[in-house]
N, C-alpha and C. Protein backbone atom coordinates (compact mmCIF):
# COMPACT_ATOMS: atom_id res chain seq x y z
N MET A 1 8.75 59.17 29.32
CA MET A 1 8.46 58.06 28.53
C MET A 1 7.64 58.26 27.19
N GLY A 2 7.94 57.75 26.16
CA GLY A 2 7.24 57.90 25.05
C GLY A 2 5.91 57.14 25.02
N ALA A 3 4.88 57.51 24.26
CA ALA A 3 3.76 56.73 24.21
C ALA A 3 3.74 55.33 23.71
N PHE A 4 4.57 55.11 22.75
CA PHE A 4 4.74 53.60 22.54
C PHE A 4 5.38 52.90 23.52
N VAL A 5 6.55 53.36 24.18
CA VAL A 5 7.14 52.54 25.14
C VAL A 5 6.35 52.39 26.54
N SER A 6 5.67 53.38 26.82
CA SER A 6 4.76 53.36 28.09
C SER A 6 3.55 52.45 27.84
N SER A 7 3.04 52.55 26.69
CA SER A 7 1.91 51.65 26.26
C SER A 7 2.40 50.08 26.35
N PHE A 8 3.51 49.93 25.74
CA PHE A 8 3.96 48.53 25.85
C PHE A 8 4.17 48.16 27.22
N LEU A 9 4.93 48.92 27.90
CA LEU A 9 5.21 48.42 29.36
C LEU A 9 3.98 48.20 30.16
N PHE A 10 3.09 49.30 30.19
CA PHE A 10 1.84 49.20 31.17
C PHE A 10 1.01 47.95 30.70
N VAL A 11 0.79 47.89 29.38
CA VAL A 11 -0.05 46.75 29.11
C VAL A 11 0.80 45.32 29.19
N LEU A 12 2.06 45.15 29.04
CA LEU A 12 2.75 44.14 29.32
C LEU A 12 2.54 43.70 30.83
N LEU A 13 2.74 44.64 31.72
CA LEU A 13 2.44 44.35 33.05
C LEU A 13 1.10 44.23 33.52
N ALA A 14 0.11 44.77 32.75
CA ALA A 14 -1.38 44.60 33.07
C ALA A 14 -1.76 43.12 32.80
N GLU A 15 -1.15 42.72 31.77
CA GLU A 15 -1.59 41.37 31.24
C GLU A 15 -1.06 40.08 32.01
N MET A 16 0.09 40.52 32.90
CA MET A 16 0.57 39.46 33.77
C MET A 16 -0.31 38.87 34.72
N GLY A 17 -0.74 37.61 34.55
CA GLY A 17 -1.72 36.86 35.41
C GLY A 17 -3.09 37.11 35.18
N ASP A 18 -3.30 38.07 34.13
CA ASP A 18 -4.66 38.35 33.71
C ASP A 18 -5.53 37.31 33.06
N LYS A 19 -6.76 37.31 33.10
CA LYS A 19 -7.60 36.29 32.34
C LYS A 19 -7.28 36.00 31.04
N THR A 20 -7.12 36.95 30.28
CA THR A 20 -6.84 36.79 28.84
C THR A 20 -5.45 36.09 28.73
N GLN A 21 -4.60 36.28 29.61
CA GLN A 21 -3.30 35.51 29.48
C GLN A 21 -3.54 34.05 29.77
N LEU A 22 -4.39 33.90 30.73
CA LEU A 22 -4.72 32.56 31.11
C LEU A 22 -5.43 31.67 29.92
N VAL A 23 -6.22 32.49 29.19
CA VAL A 23 -6.98 32.06 27.89
C VAL A 23 -5.92 31.63 26.90
N ALA A 24 -4.86 32.54 26.79
CA ALA A 24 -3.76 32.21 25.70
C ALA A 24 -3.16 31.11 26.13
N LEU A 25 -2.81 30.80 27.39
CA LEU A 25 -2.05 29.67 27.95
C LEU A 25 -2.79 28.44 27.75
N ALA A 26 -4.27 28.55 27.96
CA ALA A 26 -5.16 27.31 27.70
C ALA A 26 -5.16 26.89 26.24
N PHE A 27 -5.35 27.88 25.42
CA PHE A 27 -5.31 27.56 23.97
C PHE A 27 -4.04 27.02 23.63
N ALA A 28 -2.88 27.42 24.20
CA ALA A 28 -1.55 26.76 23.74
C ALA A 28 -1.43 25.39 24.12
N THR A 29 -2.33 24.88 25.05
CA THR A 29 -2.07 23.58 25.40
C THR A 29 -2.93 22.73 24.42
N ARG A 30 -3.79 23.37 23.61
CA ARG A 30 -4.78 22.64 22.69
C ARG A 30 -4.37 22.82 21.20
N PHE A 31 -3.70 23.85 20.91
CA PHE A 31 -3.54 24.32 19.38
C PHE A 31 -2.01 24.65 19.39
N SER A 32 -1.47 24.76 18.14
CA SER A 32 -0.06 25.06 17.91
C SER A 32 0.14 26.56 18.44
N ALA A 33 1.50 26.77 18.77
CA ALA A 33 1.83 28.12 19.38
C ALA A 33 1.54 29.05 18.28
N ALA A 34 1.71 28.96 16.83
CA ALA A 34 1.68 29.83 15.79
C ALA A 34 0.16 30.30 15.79
N VAL A 35 -0.71 29.11 15.79
CA VAL A 35 -2.12 29.46 15.60
C VAL A 35 -2.62 30.25 16.85
N THR A 36 -2.21 30.10 17.97
CA THR A 36 -2.64 30.73 19.10
C THR A 36 -2.01 32.13 19.10
N VAL A 37 -0.77 32.29 18.79
CA VAL A 37 -0.41 33.64 18.70
C VAL A 37 -0.93 34.58 17.74
N ALA A 38 -1.16 33.80 16.47
CA ALA A 38 -1.84 34.58 15.33
C ALA A 38 -3.35 35.03 15.79
N GLY A 39 -4.09 34.27 16.47
CA GLY A 39 -5.40 34.65 16.98
C GLY A 39 -5.40 35.59 18.01
N VAL A 40 -4.46 35.52 18.88
CA VAL A 40 -4.31 36.64 19.82
C VAL A 40 -3.89 37.92 19.26
N PHE A 41 -2.85 37.81 18.32
CA PHE A 41 -2.62 39.13 17.62
C PHE A 41 -3.77 39.66 17.02
N VAL A 42 -4.46 39.13 16.17
CA VAL A 42 -5.60 39.60 15.35
C VAL A 42 -6.61 40.18 16.52
N ALA A 43 -6.86 39.54 17.33
CA ALA A 43 -8.02 39.91 18.33
C ALA A 43 -7.47 41.31 19.12
N THR A 44 -6.22 41.19 19.50
CA THR A 44 -5.65 42.44 20.19
C THR A 44 -5.63 43.55 19.26
N LEU A 45 -5.20 43.53 18.03
CA LEU A 45 -5.11 44.59 17.08
C LEU A 45 -6.51 45.29 17.12
N LEU A 46 -7.52 44.53 17.02
CA LEU A 46 -8.83 44.99 16.93
C LEU A 46 -9.42 45.56 18.09
N VAL A 47 -9.26 44.97 19.34
CA VAL A 47 -9.73 45.47 20.58
C VAL A 47 -8.99 46.73 20.93
N HIS A 48 -7.56 46.80 20.68
CA HIS A 48 -6.85 47.97 21.12
C HIS A 48 -6.98 49.02 20.14
N LEU A 49 -7.41 48.81 18.95
CA LEU A 49 -7.85 49.97 17.97
C LEU A 49 -9.07 50.63 18.41
N PHE A 50 -9.97 49.83 18.90
CA PHE A 50 -11.18 50.25 19.52
C PHE A 50 -10.74 51.10 20.77
N SER A 51 -10.09 50.44 21.68
CA SER A 51 -9.64 51.24 22.94
C SER A 51 -9.07 52.44 22.86
N VAL A 52 -8.11 52.65 21.90
CA VAL A 52 -7.37 53.76 21.56
C VAL A 52 -8.34 54.91 21.32
N ALA A 53 -9.34 54.51 20.16
CA ALA A 53 -10.26 55.39 19.72
C ALA A 53 -11.08 56.17 20.99
N ILE A 54 -11.55 55.19 21.85
CA ILE A 54 -12.17 55.64 22.91
C ILE A 54 -11.44 56.55 23.73
N GLY A 55 -10.05 56.20 24.21
CA GLY A 55 -9.15 56.96 25.00
C GLY A 55 -8.92 58.44 24.40
N GLU A 56 -8.83 58.44 23.07
CA GLU A 56 -8.55 59.69 22.23
C GLU A 56 -9.72 60.64 22.36
N VAL A 57 -10.92 60.01 22.33
CA VAL A 57 -12.12 60.93 22.53
C VAL A 57 -12.19 61.50 24.02
N LEU A 58 -11.99 60.63 24.85
CA LEU A 58 -11.97 60.90 26.25
C LEU A 58 -10.99 62.04 26.60
N GLY A 59 -9.83 61.95 25.93
CA GLY A 59 -8.65 62.87 26.10
C GLY A 59 -9.01 64.33 25.43
N LEU A 60 -9.71 64.28 24.52
CA LEU A 60 -10.14 65.57 23.94
C LEU A 60 -11.29 66.21 24.71
N ALA A 61 -12.15 65.32 25.39
CA ALA A 61 -13.37 65.85 25.91
C ALA A 61 -13.07 66.34 27.40
N LEU A 62 -12.04 66.06 27.99
CA LEU A 62 -12.04 66.32 29.40
C LEU A 62 -10.71 67.01 29.58
N PRO A 63 -10.69 67.88 30.69
CA PRO A 63 -9.22 68.53 31.04
C PRO A 63 -8.22 67.64 31.37
N THR A 64 -6.86 68.00 31.15
CA THR A 64 -5.73 67.19 31.35
C THR A 64 -5.64 66.70 32.84
N ALA A 65 -5.98 67.70 33.62
CA ALA A 65 -5.58 67.33 35.20
C ALA A 65 -6.54 66.44 35.64
N TRP A 66 -7.88 66.41 35.14
CA TRP A 66 -8.87 65.53 35.63
C TRP A 66 -8.47 64.17 34.94
N ILE A 67 -8.07 63.97 33.85
CA ILE A 67 -7.74 62.86 33.17
C ILE A 67 -6.54 62.12 33.96
N GLN A 68 -5.57 63.11 34.34
CA GLN A 68 -4.26 62.53 35.10
C GLN A 68 -4.86 61.95 36.39
N LEU A 69 -5.71 62.66 37.01
CA LEU A 69 -6.39 62.19 38.31
C LEU A 69 -7.01 60.88 38.03
N ALA A 70 -7.84 60.92 37.04
CA ALA A 70 -8.72 59.62 36.77
C ALA A 70 -7.72 58.49 36.50
N ALA A 71 -6.72 58.74 35.51
CA ALA A 71 -5.62 57.67 35.41
C ALA A 71 -4.92 57.29 36.68
N GLY A 72 -4.58 58.12 37.59
CA GLY A 72 -4.02 57.70 38.80
C GLY A 72 -4.67 56.76 39.75
N VAL A 73 -6.17 57.09 39.69
CA VAL A 73 -7.06 56.20 40.54
C VAL A 73 -7.10 55.02 39.62
N ALA A 74 -7.17 54.90 38.35
CA ALA A 74 -7.30 53.78 37.58
C ALA A 74 -6.14 52.84 37.80
N PHE A 75 -4.98 53.47 37.70
CA PHE A 75 -3.59 52.51 37.85
C PHE A 75 -3.60 51.88 39.30
N ILE A 76 -4.23 52.74 40.35
CA ILE A 76 -4.19 52.16 41.61
C ILE A 76 -5.21 50.90 41.77
N GLY A 77 -6.38 51.13 41.05
CA GLY A 77 -7.28 49.97 40.88
C GLY A 77 -6.57 48.85 40.15
N PHE A 78 -5.85 49.14 39.01
CA PHE A 78 -5.31 48.04 38.32
C PHE A 78 -4.21 47.34 39.17
N ALA A 79 -3.76 47.90 40.07
CA ALA A 79 -2.70 47.34 40.92
C ALA A 79 -3.52 46.30 41.88
N ALA A 80 -4.64 46.78 42.34
CA ALA A 80 -5.33 45.86 43.17
C ALA A 80 -5.84 44.73 42.37
N TRP A 81 -6.34 44.91 41.12
CA TRP A 81 -6.87 43.90 40.30
C TRP A 81 -5.79 42.91 39.90
N THR A 82 -4.54 43.54 39.75
CA THR A 82 -3.42 42.49 39.55
C THR A 82 -3.09 41.66 40.67
N VAL A 83 -3.07 42.15 41.86
CA VAL A 83 -2.82 41.29 43.00
C VAL A 83 -3.99 40.36 43.04
N ARG A 84 -5.32 40.81 42.92
CA ARG A 84 -6.40 39.76 43.03
C ARG A 84 -6.32 38.70 42.16
N GLY A 85 -6.00 39.20 40.72
CA GLY A 85 -5.85 37.99 39.72
C GLY A 85 -7.36 37.79 39.07
N ASP A 86 -7.09 37.02 38.05
CA ASP A 86 -8.46 36.63 37.42
C ASP A 86 -8.52 34.96 37.43
N LYS A 87 -9.62 34.50 37.09
CA LYS A 87 -9.87 33.12 37.06
C LYS A 87 -10.33 32.81 35.71
N ILE A 88 -9.97 31.71 35.03
CA ILE A 88 -10.36 31.43 33.69
C ILE A 88 -11.64 30.63 33.77
N ASP A 89 -12.43 30.85 32.73
CA ASP A 89 -13.76 30.26 32.79
C ASP A 89 -13.51 28.98 31.70
N GLU A 90 -13.55 27.80 31.84
CA GLU A 90 -13.24 26.73 30.88
C GLU A 90 -14.14 26.86 29.70
N ASP A 91 -15.47 27.56 29.70
CA ASP A 91 -16.11 27.71 28.44
C ASP A 91 -15.52 28.70 27.49
N GLU A 92 -14.61 29.59 27.88
CA GLU A 92 -13.92 30.41 27.13
C GLU A 92 -12.95 29.85 26.23
N VAL A 93 -12.35 28.62 26.61
CA VAL A 93 -11.40 27.98 25.79
C VAL A 93 -11.72 26.85 24.98
N LYS A 94 -13.14 26.57 25.09
CA LYS A 94 -13.46 25.45 24.18
C LYS A 94 -13.52 25.72 22.77
N THR A 95 -13.13 24.78 21.99
CA THR A 95 -13.05 24.96 20.55
C THR A 95 -14.52 24.83 19.96
N GLY A 96 -14.76 25.92 19.07
CA GLY A 96 -16.10 26.06 18.45
C GLY A 96 -16.08 25.33 17.14
N ARG A 97 -17.09 25.72 16.32
CA ARG A 97 -17.06 25.12 15.08
C ARG A 97 -16.31 26.09 14.01
N PHE A 98 -15.58 26.98 14.50
CA PHE A 98 -14.85 27.87 13.62
C PHE A 98 -13.46 27.33 13.32
N GLY A 99 -13.06 26.33 13.84
CA GLY A 99 -11.54 25.98 13.68
C GLY A 99 -10.59 26.75 14.78
N PRO A 100 -9.45 26.16 14.88
CA PRO A 100 -8.41 26.71 15.81
C PRO A 100 -8.29 28.27 15.86
N PHE A 101 -7.97 28.79 14.56
CA PHE A 101 -7.54 30.23 14.56
C PHE A 101 -8.69 30.96 14.96
N MET A 102 -10.00 30.90 14.25
CA MET A 102 -11.05 31.69 14.57
C MET A 102 -11.47 31.41 16.24
N SER A 103 -11.42 30.32 16.64
CA SER A 103 -11.88 29.99 18.07
C SER A 103 -10.96 30.78 18.99
N VAL A 104 -9.71 30.75 18.72
CA VAL A 104 -8.82 31.71 19.68
C VAL A 104 -9.00 33.26 19.41
N ALA A 105 -9.25 33.72 18.16
CA ALA A 105 -9.38 35.01 17.94
C ALA A 105 -10.77 35.56 18.51
N ILE A 106 -11.75 34.76 18.29
CA ILE A 106 -13.07 35.11 18.78
C ILE A 106 -13.21 35.07 20.35
N ALA A 107 -12.66 33.99 21.00
CA ALA A 107 -12.64 33.76 22.25
C ALA A 107 -11.76 35.01 23.15
N PHE A 108 -10.69 35.20 22.51
CA PHE A 108 -9.74 36.15 23.03
C PHE A 108 -10.31 37.54 23.02
N PHE A 109 -10.88 37.98 21.79
CA PHE A 109 -11.52 39.23 21.41
C PHE A 109 -12.55 39.31 22.64
N LEU A 110 -13.50 38.36 22.80
CA LEU A 110 -14.62 38.56 23.75
C LEU A 110 -14.09 38.72 25.09
N ALA A 111 -13.01 37.95 25.55
CA ALA A 111 -12.36 37.81 26.79
C ALA A 111 -11.81 39.22 27.20
N GLU A 112 -11.32 39.86 26.11
CA GLU A 112 -10.60 41.08 26.29
C GLU A 112 -11.68 42.50 26.60
N LEU A 113 -12.82 42.20 25.95
CA LEU A 113 -13.63 43.38 26.27
C LEU A 113 -14.07 43.74 27.68
N GLY A 114 -13.65 45.00 28.03
CA GLY A 114 -13.93 45.41 29.37
C GLY A 114 -12.83 44.91 30.42
N ASP A 115 -11.70 44.18 29.80
CA ASP A 115 -10.58 43.76 30.66
C ASP A 115 -9.77 44.68 31.13
N LYS A 116 -8.89 44.49 32.05
CA LYS A 116 -7.89 45.36 32.69
C LYS A 116 -7.01 45.97 31.61
N THR A 117 -6.63 45.25 30.49
CA THR A 117 -5.69 45.72 29.61
C THR A 117 -6.41 46.70 28.66
N MET A 118 -7.69 46.41 28.24
CA MET A 118 -8.50 47.09 27.54
C MET A 118 -8.70 48.63 28.16
N LEU A 119 -8.95 48.57 29.49
CA LEU A 119 -9.07 49.92 30.24
C LEU A 119 -7.57 50.69 30.45
N THR A 120 -6.74 49.72 30.54
CA THR A 120 -5.23 50.51 30.62
C THR A 120 -5.09 51.19 29.35
N THR A 121 -5.38 50.44 28.12
CA THR A 121 -5.14 51.25 26.72
C THR A 121 -6.03 52.51 26.75
N ILE A 122 -7.12 52.48 27.15
CA ILE A 122 -8.07 53.65 27.00
C ILE A 122 -7.43 54.60 27.90
N THR A 123 -6.96 54.29 29.07
CA THR A 123 -6.29 55.40 30.01
C THR A 123 -5.14 55.84 29.23
N LEU A 124 -4.20 54.99 28.59
CA LEU A 124 -2.91 55.57 28.17
C LEU A 124 -3.35 56.51 26.91
N ALA A 125 -4.30 56.06 26.11
CA ALA A 125 -4.66 56.95 24.92
C ALA A 125 -5.17 58.25 25.38
N SER A 126 -5.95 58.37 26.46
CA SER A 126 -6.66 59.53 26.86
C SER A 126 -5.40 60.46 27.29
N GLN A 127 -4.29 59.87 27.76
CA GLN A 127 -3.23 60.62 28.24
C GLN A 127 -2.28 61.27 27.18
N HIS A 128 -1.94 60.38 26.37
CA HIS A 128 -0.82 60.64 25.29
C HIS A 128 -1.26 61.18 23.96
N HIS A 129 -2.52 61.05 23.58
CA HIS A 129 -3.06 61.66 22.34
C HIS A 129 -1.89 61.24 21.23
N ALA A 130 -1.64 59.89 21.10
CA ALA A 130 -0.82 59.52 20.18
C ALA A 130 -1.23 58.19 19.59
N PHE A 131 -2.34 58.30 18.89
CA PHE A 131 -3.07 57.13 18.33
C PHE A 131 -2.35 55.95 18.10
N VAL A 132 -1.42 56.11 16.94
CA VAL A 132 -0.89 54.89 16.51
C VAL A 132 0.33 54.35 17.32
N PRO A 133 1.12 55.09 18.05
CA PRO A 133 2.01 54.54 19.13
C PRO A 133 1.34 53.87 20.13
N VAL A 134 0.18 54.54 20.69
CA VAL A 134 -0.38 53.82 21.84
C VAL A 134 -1.08 52.47 21.43
N TRP A 135 -1.65 52.50 19.99
CA TRP A 135 -2.35 51.27 19.63
C TRP A 135 -1.25 50.15 19.37
N LEU A 136 -0.18 50.60 18.75
CA LEU A 136 1.07 49.58 18.40
C LEU A 136 1.68 49.25 19.64
N GLY A 137 1.91 50.06 20.48
CA GLY A 137 2.71 49.78 21.81
C GLY A 137 1.90 48.83 22.74
N SER A 138 0.47 49.13 22.88
CA SER A 138 -0.37 48.32 23.72
C SER A 138 -0.64 47.03 22.99
N THR A 139 -0.61 46.92 21.71
CA THR A 139 -0.87 45.63 20.97
C THR A 139 0.40 44.78 21.23
N LEU A 140 1.62 45.41 21.11
CA LEU A 140 2.85 44.55 21.11
C LEU A 140 3.09 44.17 22.52
N GLY A 141 2.71 44.87 23.63
CA GLY A 141 2.80 44.47 24.86
C GLY A 141 2.00 43.25 25.44
N MET A 142 0.80 43.42 24.66
CA MET A 142 -0.19 42.27 24.99
C MET A 142 0.26 41.04 24.31
N VAL A 143 0.69 41.14 22.98
CA VAL A 143 1.13 39.92 22.30
C VAL A 143 2.43 39.28 23.11
N VAL A 144 3.35 40.19 23.57
CA VAL A 144 4.51 39.68 24.19
C VAL A 144 4.12 38.87 25.44
N ALA A 145 3.39 39.56 26.29
CA ALA A 145 2.86 38.88 27.56
C ALA A 145 2.25 37.71 27.22
N ASP A 146 1.18 37.61 26.22
CA ASP A 146 0.62 36.41 26.07
C ASP A 146 1.48 35.32 25.29
N GLY A 147 2.34 35.69 24.55
CA GLY A 147 3.45 34.90 24.05
C GLY A 147 4.28 34.20 25.03
N LEU A 148 4.44 34.91 26.21
CA LEU A 148 5.17 34.28 27.27
C LEU A 148 4.20 33.10 27.78
N ALA A 149 2.87 33.48 28.10
CA ALA A 149 2.07 32.58 28.49
C ALA A 149 1.85 31.20 27.45
N ILE A 150 2.05 31.55 26.26
CA ILE A 150 2.00 30.61 25.20
C ILE A 150 3.06 29.67 25.22
N ALA A 151 4.27 30.26 25.42
CA ALA A 151 5.50 29.44 25.63
C ALA A 151 5.39 28.60 26.91
N VAL A 152 4.93 29.14 27.97
CA VAL A 152 4.64 28.31 29.03
C VAL A 152 3.81 27.09 28.86
N GLY A 153 2.55 27.51 28.27
CA GLY A 153 1.55 26.51 27.83
C GLY A 153 2.08 25.35 26.97
N VAL A 154 3.00 25.73 26.06
CA VAL A 154 3.72 24.75 25.27
C VAL A 154 4.56 23.84 25.97
N VAL A 155 5.30 24.39 26.77
CA VAL A 155 6.43 23.83 27.33
C VAL A 155 6.02 22.99 28.84
N ALA A 156 5.08 23.65 29.50
CA ALA A 156 4.83 23.28 30.85
C ALA A 156 3.35 22.91 31.11
N GLY A 157 2.40 22.89 30.03
CA GLY A 157 1.08 22.58 30.37
C GLY A 157 0.42 23.81 30.88
N ARG A 158 -0.21 23.66 32.03
CA ARG A 158 -1.13 24.89 32.47
C ARG A 158 -0.56 25.54 33.68
N ARG A 159 0.76 25.72 33.78
CA ARG A 159 1.32 26.69 34.90
C ARG A 159 1.03 28.01 34.61
N ILE A 160 0.91 28.71 35.57
CA ILE A 160 0.60 30.29 35.53
C ILE A 160 1.86 30.96 35.92
N PRO A 161 1.97 32.28 35.55
CA PRO A 161 3.11 33.01 36.20
C PRO A 161 3.26 33.03 37.72
N ALA A 162 4.37 33.05 37.97
CA ALA A 162 4.57 33.22 39.62
C ALA A 162 4.07 34.39 40.13
N ARG A 163 3.62 34.18 41.45
CA ARG A 163 2.96 35.37 42.31
C ARG A 163 3.81 36.56 42.18
N ALA A 164 4.98 36.33 42.30
CA ALA A 164 6.19 37.52 42.32
C ALA A 164 5.83 38.44 41.12
N ILE A 165 5.47 37.76 39.89
CA ILE A 165 5.53 38.61 38.71
C ILE A 165 4.22 39.62 38.88
N LYS A 166 3.03 38.99 39.38
CA LYS A 166 1.98 39.73 39.67
C LYS A 166 2.19 40.86 40.68
N LEU A 167 2.76 40.67 41.82
CA LEU A 167 3.24 41.51 42.78
C LEU A 167 4.01 42.64 42.15
N PHE A 168 4.99 42.41 41.31
CA PHE A 168 5.86 43.35 40.71
C PHE A 168 4.84 44.23 39.97
N ALA A 169 4.06 43.67 39.05
CA ALA A 169 3.33 44.55 38.29
C ALA A 169 2.42 45.39 38.99
N ALA A 170 1.87 44.83 40.11
CA ALA A 170 0.91 45.65 40.84
C ALA A 170 1.69 46.96 41.41
N ALA A 171 2.91 46.62 42.02
CA ALA A 171 3.69 47.73 42.58
C ALA A 171 4.00 48.85 41.60
N VAL A 172 4.37 48.50 40.39
CA VAL A 172 4.67 49.48 39.20
C VAL A 172 3.17 50.14 38.98
N PHE A 173 2.02 49.62 38.89
CA PHE A 173 0.80 50.33 38.73
C PHE A 173 0.60 51.34 40.07
N LEU A 174 0.89 50.77 41.17
CA LEU A 174 0.61 51.71 42.30
C LEU A 174 1.54 52.78 42.28
N ALA A 175 2.81 52.64 41.91
CA ALA A 175 3.69 53.76 42.09
C ALA A 175 3.44 54.82 40.90
N PHE A 176 3.06 54.40 39.79
CA PHE A 176 2.49 55.53 38.80
C PHE A 176 1.09 55.86 39.04
N GLY A 177 0.44 55.13 39.66
CA GLY A 177 -0.99 55.77 40.12
C GLY A 177 -0.68 56.87 41.10
N LEU A 178 0.02 56.61 42.14
CA LEU A 178 0.33 57.65 43.11
C LEU A 178 1.03 58.76 42.32
N TRP A 179 1.98 58.56 41.63
CA TRP A 179 2.71 59.53 40.83
C TRP A 179 1.69 60.49 40.02
N ALA A 180 0.75 59.96 39.32
CA ALA A 180 -0.20 60.64 38.47
C ALA A 180 -1.13 61.44 39.34
N ILE A 181 -1.50 60.96 40.64
CA ILE A 181 -2.54 61.67 41.36
C ILE A 181 -1.83 62.81 42.00
N ALA A 182 -0.52 62.69 42.51
CA ALA A 182 0.30 63.80 42.94
C ALA A 182 0.42 64.88 41.74
N SER A 183 0.63 64.54 40.53
CA SER A 183 0.84 65.53 39.52
C SER A 183 -0.46 66.20 39.26
N ALA A 184 -1.72 65.38 39.19
CA ALA A 184 -2.88 66.09 39.11
C ALA A 184 -3.17 66.93 39.96
N ALA A 185 -2.90 66.63 41.33
CA ALA A 185 -3.21 67.60 42.58
C ALA A 185 -2.42 68.84 42.45
N GLN A 186 -1.17 68.70 42.01
CA GLN A 186 -0.33 69.73 41.90
C GLN A 186 -0.93 70.67 40.80
N SER A 187 -1.30 70.24 39.66
CA SER A 187 -1.97 70.96 38.63
C SER A 187 -3.28 71.73 38.99
N LEU A 188 -4.08 70.97 39.68
CA LEU A 188 -5.38 71.55 40.31
C LEU A 188 -5.29 72.52 41.28
N LEU A 189 -4.20 72.41 41.99
CA LEU A 189 -3.94 73.44 43.06
C LEU A 189 -3.26 74.63 42.59
N ALA A 190 -2.68 74.62 41.39
CA ALA A 190 -1.70 75.58 41.08
C ALA A 190 -2.63 76.86 40.43
């Protein structure tokens, strides 16, 4: 799978039911969909640019087999995190003095720092060594996932994605985590 496609898919899955997706949904109940998507897009571009830079540095500093092992463990952790889910803090969705766009962008940027999708992007960047494809793929995956939440927010108020979506995303993370660990073990034992 190419760097762009895998980054898109993994971040899309990681965002399902994530706190930042819930933040996007909450903002969509207060502001227009266009303003919410624009704020999410700008915040995501910046956070994922930073995340890919961190991942690239880690990828150059550590041996490939150890990165693959760490990625496998991280993906299994992301599976558990996805099943557990996140809770939204109402303070994260209140409008500040900056207006709707900046309120969405700032809140989303802060909510994304250290979040599962940021860590997923770092992990992918450390493996692929393809800065722009990982950055754009992860950004697009995030915006698509949050766009779905925004659509739900516009149409149905505060509903969150069904538990089945979270379980599917967790299963994909678990499968790829186990695959990465097996591949790393094979490299380390060879």
